[in-house]
Amino acid sequence: MTPPRGFPEAEFRDRTDRAQALMAKAGLSALLLTTEPEVRYYTGFLTRFWESPTRPWFVVIPASGAPIAVIPSIGAHLMGQTWLDDIRTWQAPDYDDDGIGLLAETLQEVTPPDARIGVADQMESHLRMPLADFQTLKQSLGARRITGDATITRRLRMVKSRAELAKITCAAQIADRAFDRVAEIARVGIPLARVFRDFQRLCLEGGADWVPYLAGASEAGGYGDVISPATEAPLAAGDVLMLDTGLVWDGYFCDFDRNFSLGAPSAAVTEGHGRLIEATQAGFQAAKPGARICELFHAMTDIVNPGGAGSDAGRLGHGVGMQLTEWPSIIAADKTVLAEGMVLTLEPGVTLPDGKIMVHEENIVIEAQGARFLSSPQDREIRVI
């Protein structure tokens, strides 16, 4: 059953209330949001207009009350359809003052003179405004200080609500159905670039809103990397075809891949794929509330890379949700404690002869008794076309 689009206002009020409670503990008088997922998380403002780098967008979360949008006037109508009623605009782009004066006035209005204003500053964050404008903003705030946001939004976004989980599940189901149809579009002699285009078509026909991410490869005995764009090289007998997609439904991603053998797989490919599935299952079994992310890493790497320090990929999975990849990373150094509602990818990789590799990826959610697959888990045997 397809879930409803959007969220009830109560969802956004709850997110904001929880952020404000954490702000009080951290001694922050406001949060300044400048990136698409931050803005959308608290407001519901969903648009692909963020693809344009020209205009900055700002949302201020005060110590109490609803967020305040400080945005280009072109976005006023759409922002007006969210739960926010305080929407302040300027005509952008403005080469002299691209919203900074209005933003400074807003922050001065809702914070005391000695306020600490939080901005996301840890890994995976970015400012999305010109450095010169940021410096001007700081100079305009008097004794107020812009500081880190104590990872408040990151911590809140790590744990998905039931409504968020329904959207990720819907995205995963669309991708599952597309992967089940790969044999319709991929065969010996078909250029890989055509397979890419046709796979995206299958995703869109299946209900995806868009397919922002698709990577893969098709090479004999494995492949060299997992991030390359498609080439016009035709599929050949003995190739391992891998497709890794991040499609979006109502603003939420899934992210997983599937491997296919063009004809009977070699012994090395068969064994490697089996180890990938074994490692994925080991990570799945380790994924319980109270466990640490590093435990998932070790459970998987002990199978795919016994005795090694890690893989060239650097991590064996990550969070997923409003973005294709989110915090945390499944690495040995990450001590994040798993909690109910966290959505993760499990993504082990193996090295094959002649410097080739294979990877496998599934999506899971952490529940009270352990993990549950959101993607339909792949069998130990590689799919054969």
Protein backbone atom coordinates (compact mmCIF):
# COMPACT_ATOMS: atom_id res chain seq x y z
CA MET A 1 0.00 0.00 0.00
CA THR A 2 1.43 3.38 -1.01
CA PRO A 3 1.70 5.74 1.98
CA PRO A 4 0.27 9.26 1.85
CA ARG A 5 2.55 12.00 0.58
CA GLY A 6 3.79 14.68 2.90
CA PHE A 7 3.47 14.73 6.69
CA PRO A 8 0.85 15.99 9.11
CA GLU A 9 1.69 19.26 10.84
CA ALA A 10 2.14 17.38 14.11
CA GLU A 11 5.22 15.65 12.66
CA PHE A 12 6.97 18.97 12.08
CA ARG A 13 5.90 20.40 15.42
CA ASP A 14 7.33 17.33 17.14
CA ARG A 15 10.65 17.65 15.30
CA THR A 16 10.86 21.32 16.19
CA ASP A 17 9.92 20.73 19.84
CA ARG A 18 12.60 18.06 20.19
CA ALA A 19 15.19 20.31 18.57
CA GLN A 20 14.29 23.18 20.92
CA ALA A 21 14.62 20.92 23.96
CA LEU A 22 18.12 19.94 22.81
CA MET A 23 18.92 23.59 22.06
CA ALA A 24 18.09 24.53 25.63
CA LYS A 25 20.44 21.84 26.94
CA ALA A 26 23.21 23.02 24.61
CA GLY A 27 22.74 26.71 25.48
CA LEU A 28 21.68 27.69 21.95
CA SER A 29 19.18 30.51 21.38
CA ALA A 30 18.52 29.58 17.75
CA LEU A 31 19.45 27.20 14.96
CA LEU A 32 20.31 28.57 11.52
CA LEU A 33 19.51 26.10 8.73
CA THR A 34 21.02 26.62 5.29
CA THR A 35 20.87 23.28 3.44
CA GLU A 36 18.06 21.42 1.69
CA PRO A 37 17.67 18.44 4.05
CA GLU A 38 17.82 20.65 7.16
CA VAL A 39 15.21 23.05 5.79
CA ARG A 40 12.95 20.24 4.57
CA TYR A 41 13.24 18.25 7.80
CA TYR A 42 11.65 21.02 9.87
CA THR A 43 9.37 22.60 7.27
CA GLY A 44 8.37 20.05 4.61
CA PHE A 45 9.61 22.41 1.86
CA LEU A 46 10.20 19.94 -0.99
CA THR A 47 11.45 21.25 -4.33
CA ARG A 48 14.13 20.42 -6.87
CA PHE A 49 14.88 24.12 -7.20
CA TRP A 50 17.84 23.53 -4.89
CA GLU A 51 19.66 22.30 -8.01
CA SER A 52 20.23 25.97 -8.76
CA PRO A 53 23.22 27.27 -6.77
CA THR A 54 22.29 30.91 -7.33
CA ARG A 55 19.95 31.56 -4.43
CA PRO A 56 20.60 30.93 -0.72
CA TRP A 57 17.76 29.76 1.53
CA PHE A 58 17.56 30.20 5.30
CA VAL A 59 15.35 28.93 8.10
CA VAL A 60 15.71 30.06 11.71
CA ILE A 61 14.51 27.89 14.58
CA PRO A 62 14.06 30.14 17.63
CA ALA A 63 14.15 28.96 21.23
CA SER A 64 10.38 28.52 21.13
CA GLY A 65 7.68 28.66 18.52
CA ALA A 66 7.62 27.70 14.87
CA PRO A 67 10.56 28.11 12.51
CA ILE A 68 10.92 31.29 10.46
CA ALA A 69 11.69 31.13 6.76
CA VAL A 70 14.01 33.77 5.29
CA ILE A 71 13.92 32.93 1.60
CA PRO A 72 13.98 34.32 -1.93
CA SER A 73 10.59 35.60 -3.03
CA ILE A 74 10.39 32.96 -5.77
CA GLY A 75 9.84 30.36 -3.02
CA ALA A 76 7.16 32.19 -1.04
CA HIS A 77 4.17 30.44 -2.62
CA LEU A 78 5.54 26.93 -2.06
CA MET A 79 6.78 27.70 1.46
CA GLY A 80 3.33 29.10 2.17
CA GLN A 81 1.91 25.61 1.65
CA THR A 82 3.96 24.28 4.58
CA TRP A 83 3.04 24.69 8.24
CA LEU A 84 5.13 27.88 8.54
CA ASP A 85 3.29 31.20 8.68
CA ASP A 86 6.28 33.53 9.25
CA ILE A 87 7.86 33.75 5.80
CA ARG A 88 10.20 36.67 5.11
CA THR A 89 11.42 37.23 1.56
CA TRP A 90 13.74 39.29 -0.62
CA GLN A 91 14.09 39.49 -4.38
CA ALA A 92 17.01 37.24 -5.27
CA PRO A 93 19.61 37.25 -6.57
CA ASP A 94 20.66 40.58 -5.08
CA TYR A 95 24.31 41.30 -5.76
CA ASP A 96 24.52 43.83 -2.93
CA ASP A 97 22.62 42.03 -0.17
CA ASP A 98 21.39 38.52 -0.98
CA GLY A 99 19.20 38.12 2.07
CA ILE A 100 21.91 38.68 4.67
CA GLY A 101 20.44 41.92 5.99
CA LEU A 102 17.01 40.32 6.38
CA LEU A 103 18.52 37.25 8.00
CA ALA A 104 20.52 39.35 10.46
CA GLU A 105 17.40 41.33 11.39
CA THR A 106 15.51 38.07 12.01
CA LEU A 107 18.23 36.61 14.22
CA GLN A 108 18.52 39.86 16.18
CA GLU A 109 14.75 39.85 16.69
CA VAL A 110 14.47 36.31 18.08
CA THR A 111 17.68 36.04 20.14
CA PRO A 112 19.17 37.97 23.06
CA PRO A 113 22.27 40.15 22.53
CA ASP A 114 24.61 37.49 23.95
CA ALA A 115 23.03 34.58 22.05
CA ARG A 116 24.77 31.50 20.72
CA ILE A 117 23.35 30.58 17.31
CA GLY A 118 23.94 27.01 16.14
CA VAL A 119 24.98 26.07 12.60
CA ALA A 120 25.77 22.49 11.53
CA ASP A 121 29.56 22.19 11.45
CA GLN A 122 30.43 18.50 11.66
CA MET A 123 31.21 15.94 8.94
CA GLU A 124 28.63 15.78 6.13
CA SER A 125 27.53 19.37 6.72
CA HIS A 126 28.15 22.40 4.53
CA LEU A 127 27.22 26.06 4.70
CA ARG A 128 25.67 26.66 1.23
CA MET A 129 26.19 30.40 1.29
CA PRO A 130 29.13 32.50 0.13
CA LEU A 131 31.91 32.87 2.67
CA ALA A 132 31.81 36.64 2.24
CA ASP A 133 28.10 36.67 3.12
CA PHE A 134 28.74 34.48 6.16
CA GLN A 135 31.41 36.89 7.38
CA THR A 136 29.04 39.81 6.82
CA LEU A 137 26.35 38.02 8.81
CA LYS A 138 28.66 37.43 11.76
CA GLN A 139 29.73 41.08 11.76
CA SER A 140 26.07 42.17 11.72
CA LEU A 141 25.13 40.21 14.84
CA GLY A 142 27.07 42.21 17.38
CA ALA A 143 27.96 40.15 20.45
CA ARG A 144 25.93 37.18 19.24
CA ARG A 145 28.13 34.23 18.29
CA ILE A 146 27.59 31.66 15.57
CA THR A 147 28.78 28.30 16.83
CA GLY A 148 28.30 24.59 16.14
CA ASP A 149 24.81 23.17 16.46
CA ALA A 150 25.83 20.35 18.85
CA THR A 151 24.81 17.88 16.08
CA ILE A 152 21.16 18.42 17.07
CA THR A 153 19.61 18.02 13.64
CA ARG A 154 21.90 15.13 12.74
CA ARG A 155 20.90 13.25 15.88
CA LEU A 156 17.21 13.83 15.28
CA ARG A 157 17.40 12.79 11.63
CA MET A 158 19.18 9.52 12.45
CA VAL A 159 16.01 8.08 14.01
CA LYS A 160 13.15 7.92 11.53
CA SER A 161 9.48 8.28 12.41
CA ARG A 162 6.95 5.73 11.23
CA ALA A 163 5.87 8.11 8.49
CA GLU A 164 9.46 8.55 7.29
CA LEU A 165 10.02 4.81 7.38
CA ALA A 166 6.93 4.26 5.22
CA LYS A 167 8.40 6.50 2.52
CA ILE A 168 11.80 4.76 2.57
CA THR A 169 10.04 1.40 2.41
CA CYS A 170 8.02 2.56 -0.59
CA ALA A 171 11.21 3.65 -2.36
CA ALA A 172 12.87 0.30 -1.62
CA GLN A 173 9.90 -1.63 -2.97
CA ILE A 174 10.03 0.35 -6.22
CA ALA A 175 13.73 -0.46 -6.59
CA ASP A 176 13.10 -4.14 -5.79
CA ARG A 177 10.59 -4.36 -8.61
CA ALA A 178 12.96 -2.65 -11.02
CA PHE A 179 15.80 -5.04 -10.15
CA ASP A 180 13.46 -7.97 -10.76
CA ARG A 181 12.99 -6.69 -14.33
CA VAL A 182 16.66 -6.25 -15.24
CA ALA A 183 16.58 -9.34 -17.46
CA GLU A 184 14.14 -7.40 -19.69
CA ILE A 185 16.73 -4.71 -20.46
CA ALA A 186 20.15 -6.38 -20.10
CA ARG A 187 21.63 -9.04 -22.36
CA VAL A 188 24.85 -9.72 -24.21
CA GLY A 189 25.53 -7.00 -26.77
CA ILE A 190 23.48 -4.23 -25.10
CA PRO A 191 25.59 -1.14 -24.25
CA LEU A 192 25.90 -0.49 -20.53
CA ALA A 193 24.75 3.11 -21.02
CA ARG A 194 21.48 1.83 -22.51
CA VAL A 195 21.01 -0.50 -19.52
CA PHE A 196 21.45 2.51 -17.23
CA ARG A 197 18.86 4.54 -19.12
CA ASP A 198 16.40 1.65 -19.26
CA PHE A 199 16.84 0.86 -15.58
CA GLN A 200 15.99 4.42 -14.67
CA ARG A 201 12.92 4.09 -16.90
CA LEU A 202 11.87 0.95 -15.00
CA CYS A 203 12.23 2.83 -11.71
CA LEU A 204 10.14 5.74 -12.97
CA GLU A 205 7.50 3.42 -14.42
CA GLY A 206 7.39 1.68 -11.05
CA GLY A 207 6.57 4.89 -9.21
CA ALA A 208 9.85 6.63 -8.42
CA ASP A 209 9.66 10.42 -8.41
CA TRP A 210 13.20 10.62 -9.78
CA VAL A 211 16.43 8.62 -9.86
CA PRO A 212 19.19 10.98 -8.71
CA TYR A 213 21.77 8.23 -8.36
CA LEU A 214 22.66 5.25 -10.51
CA ALA A 215 26.12 3.75 -10.72
CA GLY A 216 27.41 0.37 -11.74
CA ALA A 217 29.67 -1.61 -14.02
CA SER A 218 29.84 -4.61 -16.28
CA GLU A 219 33.17 -6.40 -16.55
CA ALA A 220 34.45 -9.95 -16.73
CA GLY A 221 35.06 -11.56 -13.34
CA GLY A 222 34.00 -8.53 -11.30
CA TYR A 223 34.54 -4.79 -11.72
CA GLY A 224 37.06 -2.11 -10.87
CA ASP A 225 34.95 0.35 -8.87
CA VAL A 226 31.37 1.08 -7.81
CA ILE A 227 31.02 4.76 -8.70
CA SER A 228 31.67 4.97 -12.44
CA PRO A 229 29.18 6.36 -14.95
CA ALA A 230 28.07 4.10 -17.76
CA THR A 231 29.99 3.70 -21.01
CA GLU A 232 28.88 2.52 -24.42
CA ALA A 233 30.76 -0.77 -23.94
CA PRO A 234 28.41 -3.69 -24.74
CA LEU A 235 27.65 -6.36 -22.16
CA ALA A 236 29.60 -9.56 -22.81
CA ALA A 237 29.25 -13.18 -21.78
CA GLY A 238 31.01 -13.73 -18.47
CA ASP A 239 30.47 -10.14 -17.30
CA VAL A 240 29.31 -9.30 -13.81
CA LEU A 241 26.73 -6.53 -14.15
CA MET A 242 26.18 -4.40 -11.06
CA LEU A 243 23.56 -1.69 -10.71
CA ASP A 244 23.44 0.51 -7.59
CA THR A 245 20.52 2.88 -7.35
CA GLY A 246 19.33 5.61 -5.07
CA LEU A 247 15.81 6.49 -6.16
CA VAL A 248 13.49 8.92 -4.42
CA TRP A 249 9.86 8.67 -3.40
CA ASP A 250 8.31 11.74 -1.74
CA GLY A 251 11.71 13.08 -0.75
CA TYR A 252 13.16 9.86 0.71
CA PHE A 253 15.82 7.58 -0.71
CA CYS A 254 16.48 3.91 -0.81
CA ASP A 255 20.04 2.82 -1.65
CA PHE A 256 21.00 -0.71 -2.59
CA ASP A 257 22.49 -2.71 -5.45
CA ARG A 258 22.24 -6.04 -7.21
CA ASN A 259 24.79 -8.16 -9.10
CA PHE A 260 23.98 -10.17 -12.21
CA SER A 261 26.07 -12.68 -14.14
CA LEU A 262 25.83 -12.65 -17.93
CA GLY A 263 25.75 -16.40 -18.38
CA ALA A 264 27.12 -18.93 -15.91
CA PRO A 265 29.30 -17.24 -13.25
CA SER A 266 32.90 -18.27 -12.66
CA ALA A 267 33.86 -20.13 -9.50
CA ALA A 268 35.50 -16.97 -8.10
CA VAL A 269 32.38 -14.86 -8.73
CA THR A 270 30.15 -17.54 -7.21
CA GLU A 271 32.31 -17.79 -4.10
CA GLY A 272 32.68 -14.02 -3.80
CA HIS A 273 28.96 -13.38 -4.09
CA GLY A 274 28.27 -16.03 -1.48
CA ARG A 275 30.67 -14.34 0.94
CA LEU A 276 28.98 -10.99 0.35
CA ILE A 277 25.61 -12.43 1.31
CA GLU A 278 27.13 -14.18 4.33
CA ALA A 279 28.69 -10.91 5.46
CA THR A 280 25.45 -9.00 4.94
CA GLN A 281 23.59 -11.55 7.06
CA ALA A 282 26.25 -11.24 9.77
CA GLY A 283 25.82 -7.47 9.82
CA PHE A 284 22.06 -7.93 9.90
CA GLN A 285 22.26 -10.27 12.91
CA ALA A 286 24.52 -7.82 14.76
CA ALA A 287 22.19 -4.88 14.15
CA LYS A 288 20.20 -4.64 17.39
CA PRO A 289 19.27 -1.73 19.65
CA GLY A 290 22.19 -1.03 21.98
CA ALA A 291 24.81 -2.45 19.62
CA ARG A 292 27.43 -0.11 18.21
CA ILE A 293 28.03 0.68 14.56
CA CYS A 294 31.59 -0.65 14.82
CA GLU A 295 30.21 -4.06 15.77
CA LEU A 296 28.40 -4.23 12.43
CA PHE A 297 31.63 -3.32 10.68
CA HIS A 298 33.59 -6.08 12.38
CA ALA A 299 30.84 -8.66 11.83
CA MET A 300 31.02 -8.03 8.09
CA THR A 301 34.72 -7.40 7.59
CA ASP A 302 35.65 -10.60 9.47
CA ILE A 303 33.97 -12.46 6.58
CA VAL A 304 34.90 -10.40 3.52
CA ASN A 305 38.32 -9.23 4.71
CA PRO A 306 39.54 -11.53 7.47
CA GLY A 307 42.64 -10.19 9.17
CA GLY A 308 42.46 -6.91 7.25
CA ALA A 309 42.06 -3.39 8.53
CA GLY A 310 39.25 -2.44 6.19
CA SER A 311 38.29 -2.12 2.56
CA ASP A 312 39.25 0.45 -0.05
CA ALA A 313 35.68 1.74 0.10
CA GLY A 314 36.42 3.04 3.60
CA ARG A 315 33.12 1.93 5.05
CA LEU A 316 30.71 -1.00 4.85
CA GLY A 317 27.47 0.95 4.88
CA HIS A 318 25.84 4.11 6.15
CA GLY A 319 22.60 5.78 7.12
CA VAL A 320 19.97 6.57 4.49
CA GLY A 321 16.82 8.68 4.42
CA MET A 322 16.33 12.21 3.12
CA GLN A 323 19.77 11.88 1.57
CA LEU A 324 21.36 9.02 -0.31
CA THR A 325 23.99 8.72 2.38
CA GLU A 326 23.56 9.95 5.92
CA TRP A 327 25.26 9.65 9.28
CA PRO A 328 26.60 7.29 10.59
CA SER A 329 29.27 5.45 8.59
CA ILE A 330 29.80 1.76 9.27
CA ILE A 331 33.51 1.90 10.08
CA ALA A 332 35.66 0.52 12.87
CA ALA A 333 35.98 3.93 14.53
CA ASP A 334 32.26 4.70 14.76
CA LYS A 335 30.84 4.02 18.23
CA THR A 336 27.29 5.24 17.49
CA VAL A 337 24.78 3.20 19.48
CA LEU A 338 21.97 1.72 17.40
CA ALA A 339 18.44 2.77 18.31
CA GLU A 340 14.99 1.81 17.09
CA GLY A 341 14.09 3.71 13.95
CA MET A 342 17.58 3.99 12.49
CA VAL A 343 17.76 3.07 8.79
CA LEU A 344 21.06 1.78 7.45
CA THR A 345 22.64 0.22 4.43
CA LEU A 346 24.82 -2.85 4.83
CA GLU A 347 27.45 -2.76 2.06
CA PRO A 348 30.31 -5.26 2.29
CA GLY A 349 32.80 -5.70 -0.55
CA VAL A 350 35.15 -8.50 -1.60
CA THR A 351 38.33 -8.58 -3.65
CA LEU A 352 38.43 -11.03 -6.56
CA PRO A 353 41.26 -12.24 -8.81
CA ASP A 354 42.94 -9.78 -11.22
CA GLY A 355 42.21 -6.81 -8.97
CA LYS A 356 38.46 -6.98 -9.48
CA ILE A 357 35.90 -6.40 -6.72
CA MET A 358 32.25 -7.05 -5.98
CA VAL A 359 29.97 -5.29 -3.52
CA HIS A 360 26.51 -6.03 -2.20
CA GLU A 361 24.10 -3.66 -0.45
CA GLU A 362 20.82 -4.00 1.45
CA ASN A 363 18.66 -1.56 3.42
CA ILE A 364 17.56 -2.34 6.98
CA VAL A 365 15.71 -0.67 9.84
CA ILE A 366 16.47 -1.21 13.53
CA GLU A 367 13.46 -2.43 15.51
CA ALA A 368 12.98 -3.51 19.12
CA GLN A 369 14.05 -7.12 18.59
CA GLY A 370 16.69 -6.45 15.95
CA ALA A 371 16.95 -5.52 12.29
CA ARG A 372 14.36 -5.89 9.55
CA PHE A 373 15.12 -5.79 5.83
CA LEU A 374 13.52 -2.97 3.85
CA SER A 375 14.98 -4.25 0.57
CA SER A 376 14.16 -7.86 -0.30
CA PRO A 377 17.36 -9.70 0.72
CA GLN A 378 19.31 -11.28 -2.10
CA ASP A 379 19.92 -15.04 -2.13
CA ARG A 380 23.42 -16.43 -1.81
CA GLU A 381 23.43 -17.32 -5.53
CA ILE A 382 24.10 -14.47 -7.93
CA ARG A 383 21.29 -13.69 -10.37
CA VAL A 384 22.01 -15.07 -13.83
CA ILE A 385 20.86 -13.48 -17.09
